[in-house]
Amino acid sequence: CLQAQLYNFFPTAMELIPGPHKQLI
């Protein structure tokens, strides 16, 4: 998913945004 891929580049910013990357973590 896009959010998980973005999390790899912008982890601090993505911590604030909900999405499937949260479930991955």
mmCIF file of all heavy atoms, coordinates in Angstrom:
data_MODEL
# 
_entry.id   MODEL 
# 
loop_
_atom_site.group_PDB 
_atom_site.id 
_atom_site.type_symbol 
_atom_site.label_atom_id 
_atom_site.label_alt_id 
_atom_site.label_comp_id 
_atom_site.label_asym_id 
_atom_site.label_entity_id 
_atom_site.label_seq_id 
_atom_site.pdbx_PDB_ins_code 
_atom_site.Cartn_x 
_atom_site.Cartn_y 
_atom_site.Cartn_z 
_atom_site.occupancy 
_atom_site.B_iso_or_equiv 
_atom_site.pdbx_formal_charge 
_atom_site.auth_seq_id 
_atom_site.auth_comp_id 
_atom_site.auth_asym_id 
_atom_site.auth_atom_id 
_atom_site.pdbx_PDB_model_num 
ATOM 1   N N   . CYS A 1 1  ? 0.836  -1.209 0.000  1.00 0.00 ? 1  CYS A N   1 
ATOM 2   C CA  . CYS A 1 1  ? 0.000  0.000  0.000  1.00 0.00 ? 1  CYS A CA  1 
ATOM 3   C C   . CYS A 1 1  ? 0.869  1.257  0.000  1.00 0.00 ? 1  CYS A C   1 
ATOM 4   O O   . CYS A 1 1  ? 2.002  1.265  0.473  1.00 0.00 ? 1  CYS A O   1 
ATOM 5   C CB  . CYS A 1 1  ? -0.970 -0.003 1.182  1.00 0.00 ? 1  CYS A CB  1 
ATOM 6   S SG  . CYS A 1 1  ? -0.215 0.359  2.761  1.00 0.00 ? 1  CYS A SG  1 
ATOM 7   N N   . LEU A 1 2  ? 0.334  2.309  -0.546 1.00 0.00 ? 2  LEU A N   1 
ATOM 8   C CA  . LEU A 1 2  ? 1.045  3.578  -0.685 1.00 0.00 ? 2  LEU A CA  1 
ATOM 9   C C   . LEU A 1 2  ? 1.490  4.128  0.673  1.00 0.00 ? 2  LEU A C   1 
ATOM 10  O O   . LEU A 1 2  ? 2.612  4.609  0.818  1.00 0.00 ? 2  LEU A O   1 
ATOM 11  C CB  . LEU A 1 2  ? 0.161  4.595  -1.419 1.00 0.00 ? 2  LEU A CB  1 
ATOM 12  C CG  . LEU A 1 2  ? 0.755  5.996  -1.578 1.00 0.00 ? 2  LEU A CG  1 
ATOM 13  C CD1 . LEU A 1 2  ? 2.017  5.943  -2.433 1.00 0.00 ? 2  LEU A CD1 1 
ATOM 14  C CD2 . LEU A 1 2  ? -0.273 6.933  -2.185 1.00 0.00 ? 2  LEU A CD2 1 
ATOM 15  N N   . GLN A 1 3  ? 0.596  4.047  1.671  1.00 0.00 ? 3  GLN A N   1 
ATOM 16  C CA  . GLN A 1 3  ? 0.931  4.599  2.990  1.00 0.00 ? 3  GLN A CA  1 
ATOM 17  C C   . GLN A 1 3  ? 2.140  3.898  3.607  1.00 0.00 ? 3  GLN A C   1 
ATOM 18  O O   . GLN A 1 3  ? 2.984  4.546  4.230  1.00 0.00 ? 3  GLN A O   1 
ATOM 19  C CB  . GLN A 1 3  ? -0.267 4.488  3.944  1.00 0.00 ? 3  GLN A CB  1 
ATOM 20  C CG  . GLN A 1 3  ? -1.419 5.377  3.580  1.00 0.00 ? 3  GLN A CG  1 
ATOM 21  C CD  . GLN A 1 3  ? -2.417 4.687  2.650  1.00 0.00 ? 3  GLN A CD  1 
ATOM 22  O OE1 . GLN A 1 3  ? -2.081 3.756  1.921  1.00 0.00 ? 3  GLN A OE1 1 
ATOM 23  N NE2 . GLN A 1 3  ? -3.651 5.150  2.666  1.00 0.00 ? 3  GLN A NE2 1 
ATOM 24  N N   . ALA A 1 4  ? 2.233  2.577  3.441  1.00 0.00 ? 4  ALA A N   1 
ATOM 25  C CA  . ALA A 1 4  ? 3.373  1.841  3.987  1.00 0.00 ? 4  ALA A CA  1 
ATOM 26  C C   . ALA A 1 4  ? 4.655  2.251  3.279  1.00 0.00 ? 4  ALA A C   1 
ATOM 27  O O   . ALA A 1 4  ? 5.712  2.386  3.909  1.00 0.00 ? 4  ALA A O   1 
ATOM 28  C CB  . ALA A 1 4  ? 3.153  0.345  3.861  1.00 0.00 ? 4  ALA A CB  1 
ATOM 29  N N   . GLN A 1 5  ? 4.579  2.479  1.980  1.00 0.00 ? 5  GLN A N   1 
ATOM 30  C CA  . GLN A 1 5  ? 5.763  2.901  1.237  1.00 0.00 ? 5  GLN A CA  1 
ATOM 31  C C   . GLN A 1 5  ? 6.174  4.327  1.619  1.00 0.00 ? 5  GLN A C   1 
ATOM 32  O O   . GLN A 1 5  ? 7.361  4.630  1.747  1.00 0.00 ? 5  GLN A O   1 
ATOM 33  C CB  . GLN A 1 5  ? 5.502  2.771  -0.258 1.00 0.00 ? 5  GLN A CB  1 
ATOM 34  C CG  . GLN A 1 5  ? 5.358  1.310  -0.667 1.00 0.00 ? 5  GLN A CG  1 
ATOM 35  C CD  . GLN A 1 5  ? 4.937  1.143  -2.112 1.00 0.00 ? 5  GLN A CD  1 
ATOM 36  O OE1 . GLN A 1 5  ? 5.061  2.051  -2.918 1.00 0.00 ? 5  GLN A OE1 1 
ATOM 37  N NE2 . GLN A 1 5  ? 4.443  -0.038 -2.439 1.00 0.00 ? 5  GLN A NE2 1 
ATOM 38  N N   . LEU A 1 6  ? 5.196  5.184  1.819  1.00 0.00 ? 6  LEU A N   1 
ATOM 39  C CA  . LEU A 1 6  ? 5.497  6.553  2.270  1.00 0.00 ? 6  LEU A CA  1 
ATOM 40  C C   . LEU A 1 6  ? 6.075  6.557  3.675  1.00 0.00 ? 6  LEU A C   1 
ATOM 41  O O   . LEU A 1 6  ? 6.912  7.391  4.012  1.00 0.00 ? 6  LEU A O   1 
ATOM 42  C CB  . LEU A 1 6  ? 4.243  7.423  2.207  1.00 0.00 ? 6  LEU A CB  1 
ATOM 43  C CG  . LEU A 1 6  ? 3.762  7.818  0.820  1.00 0.00 ? 6  LEU A CG  1 
ATOM 44  C CD1 . LEU A 1 6  ? 2.421  8.541  0.900  1.00 0.00 ? 6  LEU A CD1 1 
ATOM 45  C CD2 . LEU A 1 6  ? 4.803  8.674  0.121  1.00 0.00 ? 6  LEU A CD2 1 
ATOM 46  N N   . TYR A 1 7  ? 5.613  5.624  4.519  1.00 0.00 ? 7  TYR A N   1 
ATOM 47  C CA  . TYR A 1 7  ? 6.121  5.526  5.887  1.00 0.00 ? 7  TYR A CA  1 
ATOM 48  C C   . TYR A 1 7  ? 7.631  5.288  5.891  1.00 0.00 ? 7  TYR A C   1 
ATOM 49  O O   . TYR A 1 7  ? 8.343  5.789  6.757  1.00 0.00 ? 7  TYR A O   1 
ATOM 50  C CB  . TYR A 1 7  ? 5.396  4.411  6.649  1.00 0.00 ? 7  TYR A CB  1 
ATOM 51  C CG  . TYR A 1 7  ? 5.832  4.297  8.091  1.00 0.00 ? 7  TYR A CG  1 
ATOM 52  C CD1 . TYR A 1 7  ? 5.280  5.125  9.046  1.00 0.00 ? 7  TYR A CD1 1 
ATOM 53  C CD2 . TYR A 1 7  ? 6.794  3.380  8.477  1.00 0.00 ? 7  TYR A CD2 1 
ATOM 54  C CE1 . TYR A 1 7  ? 5.677  5.044  10.367 1.00 0.00 ? 7  TYR A CE1 1 
ATOM 55  C CE2 . TYR A 1 7  ? 7.205  3.285  9.796  1.00 0.00 ? 7  TYR A CE2 1 
ATOM 56  C CZ  . TYR A 1 7  ? 6.642  4.120  10.741 1.00 0.00 ? 7  TYR A CZ  1 
ATOM 57  O OH  . TYR A 1 7  ? 7.049  4.045  12.045 1.00 0.00 ? 7  TYR A OH  1 
ATOM 58  N N   . ASN A 1 8  ? 8.129  4.525  4.912  1.00 0.00 ? 8  ASN A N   1 
ATOM 59  C CA  . ASN A 1 8  ? 9.563  4.265  4.825  1.00 0.00 ? 8  ASN A CA  1 
ATOM 60  C C   . ASN A 1 8  ? 10.361 5.550  4.597  1.00 0.00 ? 8  ASN A C   1 
ATOM 61  O O   . ASN A 1 8  ? 11.509 5.651  5.032  1.00 0.00 ? 8  ASN A O   1 
ATOM 62  C CB  . ASN A 1 8  ? 9.872  3.267  3.704  1.00 0.00 ? 8  ASN A CB  1 
ATOM 63  C CG  . ASN A 1 8  ? 9.421  1.875  4.066  1.00 0.00 ? 8  ASN A CG  1 
ATOM 64  O OD1 . ASN A 1 8  ? 9.436  1.477  5.213  1.00 0.00 ? 8  ASN A OD1 1 
ATOM 65  N ND2 . ASN A 1 8  ? 8.999  1.126  3.056  1.00 0.00 ? 8  ASN A ND2 1 
ATOM 66  N N   . PHE A 1 9  ? 9.775  6.523  3.907  1.00 0.00 ? 9  PHE A N   1 
ATOM 67  C CA  . PHE A 1 9  ? 10.471 7.772  3.609  1.00 0.00 ? 9  PHE A CA  1 
ATOM 68  C C   . PHE A 1 9  ? 10.176 8.882  4.616  1.00 0.00 ? 9  PHE A C   1 
ATOM 69  O O   . PHE A 1 9  ? 11.024 9.722  4.872  1.00 0.00 ? 9  PHE A O   1 
ATOM 70  C CB  . PHE A 1 9  ? 10.108 8.258  2.193  1.00 0.00 ? 9  PHE A CB  1 
ATOM 71  C CG  . PHE A 1 9  ? 10.630 7.364  1.122  1.00 0.00 ? 9  PHE A CG  1 
ATOM 72  C CD1 . PHE A 1 9  ? 9.785  6.490  0.463  1.00 0.00 ? 9  PHE A CD1 1 
ATOM 73  C CD2 . PHE A 1 9  ? 11.972 7.374  0.780  1.00 0.00 ? 9  PHE A CD2 1 
ATOM 74  C CE1 . PHE A 1 9  ? 10.265 5.653  -0.527 1.00 0.00 ? 9  PHE A CE1 1 
ATOM 75  C CE2 . PHE A 1 9  ? 12.469 6.540  -0.205 1.00 0.00 ? 9  PHE A CE2 1 
ATOM 76  C CZ  . PHE A 1 9  ? 11.610 5.674  -0.864 1.00 0.00 ? 9  PHE A CZ  1 
ATOM 77  N N   . PHE A 1 10 ? 8.962  8.894  5.151  1.00 0.00 ? 10 PHE A N   1 
ATOM 78  C CA  . PHE A 1 10 ? 8.537  9.966  6.050  1.00 0.00 ? 10 PHE A CA  1 
ATOM 79  C C   . PHE A 1 10 ? 7.918  9.384  7.330  1.00 0.00 ? 10 PHE A C   1 
ATOM 80  O O   . PHE A 1 10 ? 6.730  9.605  7.598  1.00 0.00 ? 10 PHE A O   1 
ATOM 81  C CB  . PHE A 1 10 ? 7.514  10.870 5.348  1.00 0.00 ? 10 PHE A CB  1 
ATOM 82  C CG  . PHE A 1 10 ? 7.946  11.332 3.986  1.00 0.00 ? 10 PHE A CG  1 
ATOM 83  C CD1 . PHE A 1 10 ? 7.339  10.805 2.854  1.00 0.00 ? 10 PHE A CD1 1 
ATOM 84  C CD2 . PHE A 1 10 ? 8.949  12.270 3.838  1.00 0.00 ? 10 PHE A CD2 1 
ATOM 85  C CE1 . PHE A 1 10 ? 7.727  11.225 1.583  1.00 0.00 ? 10 PHE A CE1 1 
ATOM 86  C CE2 . PHE A 1 10 ? 9.338  12.693 2.572  1.00 0.00 ? 10 PHE A CE2 1 
ATOM 87  C CZ  . PHE A 1 10 ? 8.732  12.167 1.438  1.00 0.00 ? 10 PHE A CZ  1 
ATOM 88  N N   . PRO A 1 11 ? 8.682  8.651  8.126  1.00 0.00 ? 11 PRO A N   1 
ATOM 89  C CA  . PRO A 1 11 ? 8.085  7.978  9.281  1.00 0.00 ? 11 PRO A CA  1 
ATOM 90  C C   . PRO A 1 11 ? 7.454  8.934  10.297 1.00 0.00 ? 11 PRO A C   1 
ATOM 91  O O   . PRO A 1 11 ? 6.377  8.661  10.817 1.00 0.00 ? 11 PRO A O   1 
ATOM 92  C CB  . PRO A 1 11 ? 9.250  7.203  9.899  1.00 0.00 ? 11 PRO A CB  1 
ATOM 93  C CG  . PRO A 1 11 ? 10.480 7.796  9.335  1.00 0.00 ? 11 PRO A CG  1 
ATOM 94  C CD  . PRO A 1 11 ? 10.111 8.405  8.017  1.00 0.00 ? 11 PRO A CD  1 
ATOM 95  N N   . THR A 1 12 ? 8.095  10.060 10.552 1.00 0.00 ? 12 THR A N   1 
ATOM 96  C CA  . THR A 1 12 ? 7.562  11.004 11.544 1.00 0.00 ? 12 THR A CA  1 
ATOM 97  C C   . THR A 1 12 ? 6.230  11.579 11.088 1.00 0.00 ? 12 THR A C   1 
ATOM 98  O O   . THR A 1 12 ? 5.270  11.639 11.864 1.00 0.00 ? 12 THR A O   1 
ATOM 99  C CB  . THR A 1 12 ? 8.574  12.134 11.805 1.00 0.00 ? 12 THR A CB  1 
ATOM 100 O OG1 . THR A 1 12 ? 9.838  11.556 12.139 1.00 0.00 ? 12 THR A OG1 1 
ATOM 101 C CG2 . THR A 1 12 ? 8.123  13.016 12.945 1.00 0.00 ? 12 THR A CG2 1 
ATOM 102 N N   . ALA A 1 13 ? 6.150  11.988 9.837  1.00 0.00 ? 13 ALA A N   1 
ATOM 103 C CA  . ALA A 1 13 ? 4.903  12.557 9.316  1.00 0.00 ? 13 ALA A CA  1 
ATOM 104 C C   . ALA A 1 13 ? 3.807  11.503 9.241  1.00 0.00 ? 13 ALA A C   1 
ATOM 105 O O   . ALA A 1 13 ? 2.643  11.770 9.558  1.00 0.00 ? 13 ALA A O   1 
ATOM 106 C CB  . ALA A 1 13 ? 5.142  13.163 7.936  1.00 0.00 ? 13 ALA A CB  1 
ATOM 107 N N   . MET A 1 14 ? 4.173  10.294 8.840  1.00 0.00 ? 14 MET A N   1 
ATOM 108 C CA  . MET A 1 14 ? 3.177  9.231  8.675  1.00 0.00 ? 14 MET A CA  1 
ATOM 109 C C   . MET A 1 14 ? 2.636  8.734  10.014 1.00 0.00 ? 14 MET A C   1 
ATOM 110 O O   . MET A 1 14 ? 1.557  8.146  10.052 1.00 0.00 ? 14 MET A O   1 
ATOM 111 C CB  . MET A 1 14 ? 3.752  8.072  7.877  1.00 0.00 ? 14 MET A CB  1 
ATOM 112 C CG  . MET A 1 14 ? 4.048  8.405  6.418  1.00 0.00 ? 14 MET A CG  1 
ATOM 113 S SD  . MET A 1 14 ? 2.630  9.013  5.509  1.00 0.00 ? 14 MET A SD  1 
ATOM 114 C CE  . MET A 1 14 ? 1.631  7.542  5.397  1.00 0.00 ? 14 MET A CE  1 
ATOM 115 N N   . GLU A 1 15 ? 3.353  8.971  11.099 1.00 0.00 ? 15 GLU A N   1 
ATOM 116 C CA  . GLU A 1 15 ? 2.836  8.602  12.427 1.00 0.00 ? 15 GLU A CA  1 
ATOM 117 C C   . GLU A 1 15 ? 1.546  9.361  12.734 1.00 0.00 ? 15 GLU A C   1 
ATOM 118 O O   . GLU A 1 15 ? 0.698  8.875  13.473 1.00 0.00 ? 15 GLU A O   1 
ATOM 119 C CB  . GLU A 1 15 ? 3.883  8.898  13.513 1.00 0.00 ? 15 GLU A CB  1 
ATOM 120 C CG  . GLU A 1 15 ? 5.062  7.971  13.520 1.00 0.00 ? 15 GLU A CG  1 
ATOM 121 C CD  . GLU A 1 15 ? 4.733  6.560  13.982 1.00 0.00 ? 15 GLU A CD  1 
ATOM 122 O OE1 . GLU A 1 15 ? 3.793  6.385  14.777 1.00 0.00 ? 15 GLU A OE1 1 
ATOM 123 O OE2 . GLU A 1 15 ? 5.420  5.640  13.528 1.00 0.00 ? 15 GLU A OE2 1 
ATOM 124 N N   . LEU A 1 16 ? 1.405  10.542 12.165 1.00 0.00 ? 16 LEU A N   1 
ATOM 125 C CA  . LEU A 1 16 ? 0.245  11.397 12.431 1.00 0.00 ? 16 LEU A CA  1 
ATOM 126 C C   . LEU A 1 16 ? -0.949 11.079 11.548 1.00 0.00 ? 16 LEU A C   1 
ATOM 127 O O   . LEU A 1 16 ? -2.063 11.529 11.817 1.00 0.00 ? 16 LEU A O   1 
ATOM 128 C CB  . LEU A 1 16 ? 0.638  12.867 12.243 1.00 0.00 ? 16 LEU A CB  1 
ATOM 129 C CG  . LEU A 1 16 ? 1.852  13.343 13.059 1.00 0.00 ? 16 LEU A CG  1 
ATOM 130 C CD1 . LEU A 1 16 ? 2.266  14.735 12.616 1.00 0.00 ? 16 LEU A CD1 1 
ATOM 131 C CD2 . LEU A 1 16 ? 1.554  13.283 14.543 1.00 0.00 ? 16 LEU A CD2 1 
ATOM 132 N N   . ILE A 1 17 ? -0.717 10.321 10.473 1.00 0.00 ? 17 ILE A N   1 
ATOM 133 C CA  . ILE A 1 17 ? -1.767 10.057 9.488  1.00 0.00 ? 17 ILE A CA  1 
ATOM 134 C C   . ILE A 1 17 ? -2.298 8.631  9.671  1.00 0.00 ? 17 ILE A C   1 
ATOM 135 O O   . ILE A 1 17 ? -1.528 7.682  9.759  1.00 0.00 ? 17 ILE A O   1 
ATOM 136 C CB  . ILE A 1 17 ? -1.205 10.224 8.060  1.00 0.00 ? 17 ILE A CB  1 
ATOM 137 C CG1 . ILE A 1 17 ? -0.684 11.644 7.874  1.00 0.00 ? 17 ILE A CG1 1 
ATOM 138 C CG2 . ILE A 1 17 ? -2.247 9.883  7.008  1.00 0.00 ? 17 ILE A CG2 1 
ATOM 139 C CD1 . ILE A 1 17 ? 0.101  11.855 6.589  1.00 0.00 ? 17 ILE A CD1 1 
ATOM 140 N N   . PRO A 1 18 ? -3.630 8.475  9.735  1.00 0.00 ? 18 PRO A N   1 
ATOM 141 C CA  . PRO A 1 18 ? -4.172 7.116  9.840  1.00 0.00 ? 18 PRO A CA  1 
ATOM 142 C C   . PRO A 1 18 ? -4.046 6.375  8.503  1.00 0.00 ? 18 PRO A C   1 
ATOM 143 O O   . PRO A 1 18 ? -3.888 6.990  7.455  1.00 0.00 ? 18 PRO A O   1 
ATOM 144 C CB  . PRO A 1 18 ? -5.640 7.356  10.194 1.00 0.00 ? 18 PRO A CB  1 
ATOM 145 C CG  . PRO A 1 18 ? -5.945 8.717  9.668  1.00 0.00 ? 18 PRO A CG  1 
ATOM 146 C CD  . PRO A 1 18 ? -4.664 9.498  9.736  1.00 0.00 ? 18 PRO A CD  1 
ATOM 147 N N   . GLY A 1 19 ? -4.113 5.072  8.579  1.00 0.00 ? 19 GLY A N   1 
ATOM 148 C CA  . GLY A 1 19 ? -4.064 4.277  7.359  1.00 0.00 ? 19 GLY A CA  1 
ATOM 149 C C   . GLY A 1 19 ? -3.600 2.861  7.631  1.00 0.00 ? 19 GLY A C   1 
ATOM 150 O O   . GLY A 1 19 ? -3.323 2.486  8.780  1.00 0.00 ? 19 GLY A O   1 
ATOM 151 N N   . PRO A 1 20 ? -3.484 2.059  6.584  1.00 0.00 ? 20 PRO A N   1 
ATOM 152 C CA  . PRO A 1 20 ? -3.103 0.653  6.742  1.00 0.00 ? 20 PRO A CA  1 
ATOM 153 C C   . PRO A 1 20 ? -1.686 0.460  7.279  1.00 0.00 ? 20 PRO A C   1 
ATOM 154 O O   . PRO A 1 20 ? -1.379 -0.593 7.828  1.00 0.00 ? 20 PRO A O   1 
ATOM 155 C CB  . PRO A 1 20 ? -3.246 0.066  5.337  1.00 0.00 ? 20 PRO A CB  1 
ATOM 156 C CG  . PRO A 1 20 ? -3.377 1.206  4.410  1.00 0.00 ? 20 PRO A CG  1 
ATOM 157 C CD  . PRO A 1 20 ? -3.788 2.394  5.204  1.00 0.00 ? 20 PRO A CD  1 
ATOM 158 N N   . HIS A 1 21 ? -0.834 1.468  7.147  1.00 0.00 ? 21 HIS A N   1 
ATOM 159 C CA  . HIS A 1 21 ? 0.522  1.352  7.674  1.00 0.00 ? 21 HIS A CA  1 
ATOM 160 C C   . HIS A 1 21 ? 0.518  1.193  9.194  1.00 0.00 ? 21 HIS A C   1 
ATOM 161 O O   . HIS A 1 21 ? 1.407  0.576  9.756  1.00 0.00 ? 21 HIS A O   1 
ATOM 162 C CB  . HIS A 1 21 ? 1.384  2.539  7.243  1.00 0.00 ? 21 HIS A CB  1 
ATOM 163 C CG  . HIS A 1 21 ? 0.901  3.856  7.759  1.00 0.00 ? 21 HIS A CG  1 
ATOM 164 N ND1 . HIS A 1 21 ? -0.234 4.466  7.271  1.00 0.00 ? 21 HIS A ND1 1 
ATOM 165 C CD2 . HIS A 1 21 ? 1.396  4.669  8.718  1.00 0.00 ? 21 HIS A CD2 1 
ATOM 166 C CE1 . HIS A 1 21 ? -0.421 5.604  7.913  1.00 0.00 ? 21 HIS A CE1 1 
ATOM 167 N NE2 . HIS A 1 21 ? 0.550  5.753  8.796  1.00 0.00 ? 21 HIS A NE2 1 
ATOM 168 N N   . LYS A 1 22 ? -0.505 1.715  9.843  1.00 0.00 ? 22 LYS A N   1 
ATOM 169 C CA  . LYS A 1 22 ? -0.627 1.562  11.304 1.00 0.00 ? 22 LYS A CA  1 
ATOM 170 C C   . LYS A 1 22 ? -0.836 0.087  11.674 1.00 0.00 ? 22 LYS A C   1 
ATOM 171 O O   . LYS A 1 22 ? -0.279 -0.405 12.641 1.00 0.00 ? 22 LYS A O   1 
ATOM 172 C CB  . LYS A 1 22 ? -1.790 2.406  11.837 1.00 0.00 ? 22 LYS A CB  1 
ATOM 173 C CG  . LYS A 1 22 ? -1.644 3.881  11.634 1.00 0.00 ? 22 LYS A CG  1 
ATOM 174 C CD  . LYS A 1 22 ? -0.767 4.471  12.693 1.00 0.00 ? 22 LYS A CD  1 
ATOM 175 C CE  . LYS A 1 22 ? -0.813 5.982  12.573 1.00 0.00 ? 22 LYS A CE  1 
ATOM 176 N NZ  . LYS A 1 22 ? -0.203 6.635  13.700 1.00 0.00 ? 22 LYS A NZ  1 
ATOM 177 N N   . GLN A 1 23 ? -1.664 -0.609 10.885 1.00 0.00 ? 23 GLN A N   1 
ATOM 178 C CA  . GLN A 1 23 ? -1.897 -2.046 11.119 1.00 0.00 ? 23 GLN A CA  1 
ATOM 179 C C   . GLN A 1 23 ? -0.625 -2.835 10.856 1.00 0.00 ? 23 GLN A C   1 
ATOM 180 O O   . GLN A 1 23 ? -0.306 -3.772 11.579 1.00 0.00 ? 23 GLN A O   1 
ATOM 181 C CB  . GLN A 1 23 ? -3.035 -2.557 10.233 1.00 0.00 ? 23 GLN A CB  1 
ATOM 182 C CG  . GLN A 1 23 ? -3.393 -4.012 10.478 1.00 0.00 ? 23 GLN A CG  1 
ATOM 183 C CD  . GLN A 1 23 ? -3.913 -4.259 11.893 1.00 0.00 ? 23 GLN A CD  1 
ATOM 184 O OE1 . GLN A 1 23 ? -4.702 -3.491 12.417 1.00 0.00 ? 23 GLN A OE1 1 
ATOM 185 N NE2 . GLN A 1 23 ? -3.449 -5.333 12.509 1.00 0.00 ? 23 GLN A NE2 1 
ATOM 186 N N   . LEU A 1 24 ? 0.118  -2.445 9.850  1.00 0.00 ? 24 LEU A N   1 
ATOM 187 C CA  . LEU A 1 24 ? 1.389  -3.095 9.529  1.00 0.00 ? 24 LEU A CA  1 
ATOM 188 C C   . LEU A 1 24 ? 2.348  -2.993 10.717 1.00 0.00 ? 24 LEU A C   1 
ATOM 189 O O   . LEU A 1 24 ? 2.953  -3.993 11.126 1.00 0.00 ? 24 LEU A O   1 
ATOM 190 C CB  . LEU A 1 24 ? 2.001  -2.453 8.279  1.00 0.00 ? 24 LEU A CB  1 
ATOM 191 C CG  . LEU A 1 24 ? 3.355  -2.972 7.823  1.00 0.00 ? 24 LEU A CG  1 
ATOM 192 C CD1 . LEU A 1 24 ? 3.228  -4.369 7.243  1.00 0.00 ? 24 LEU A CD1 1 
ATOM 193 C CD2 . LEU A 1 24 ? 3.959  -2.037 6.796  1.00 0.00 ? 24 LEU A CD2 1 
ATOM 194 N N   . ILE A 1 25 ? 2.453  -1.826 11.301 1.00 0.00 ? 25 ILE A N   1 
ATOM 195 C CA  . ILE A 1 25 ? 3.337  -1.610 12.452 1.00 0.00 ? 25 ILE A CA  1 
ATOM 196 C C   . ILE A 1 25 ? 2.859  -2.428 13.648 1.00 0.00 ? 25 ILE A C   1 
ATOM 197 O O   . ILE A 1 25 ? 3.656  -3.061 14.347 1.00 0.00 ? 25 ILE A O   1 
ATOM 198 C CB  . ILE A 1 25 ? 3.416  -0.107 12.797 1.00 0.00 ? 25 ILE A CB  1 
ATOM 199 C CG1 . ILE A 1 25 ? 4.089  0.642  11.656 1.00 0.00 ? 25 ILE A CG1 1 
ATOM 200 C CG2 . ILE A 1 25 ? 4.143  0.120  14.111 1.00 0.00 ? 25 ILE A CG2 1 
ATOM 201 C CD1 . ILE A 1 25 ? 3.926  2.144  11.704 1.00 0.00 ? 25 ILE A CD1 1 
# 
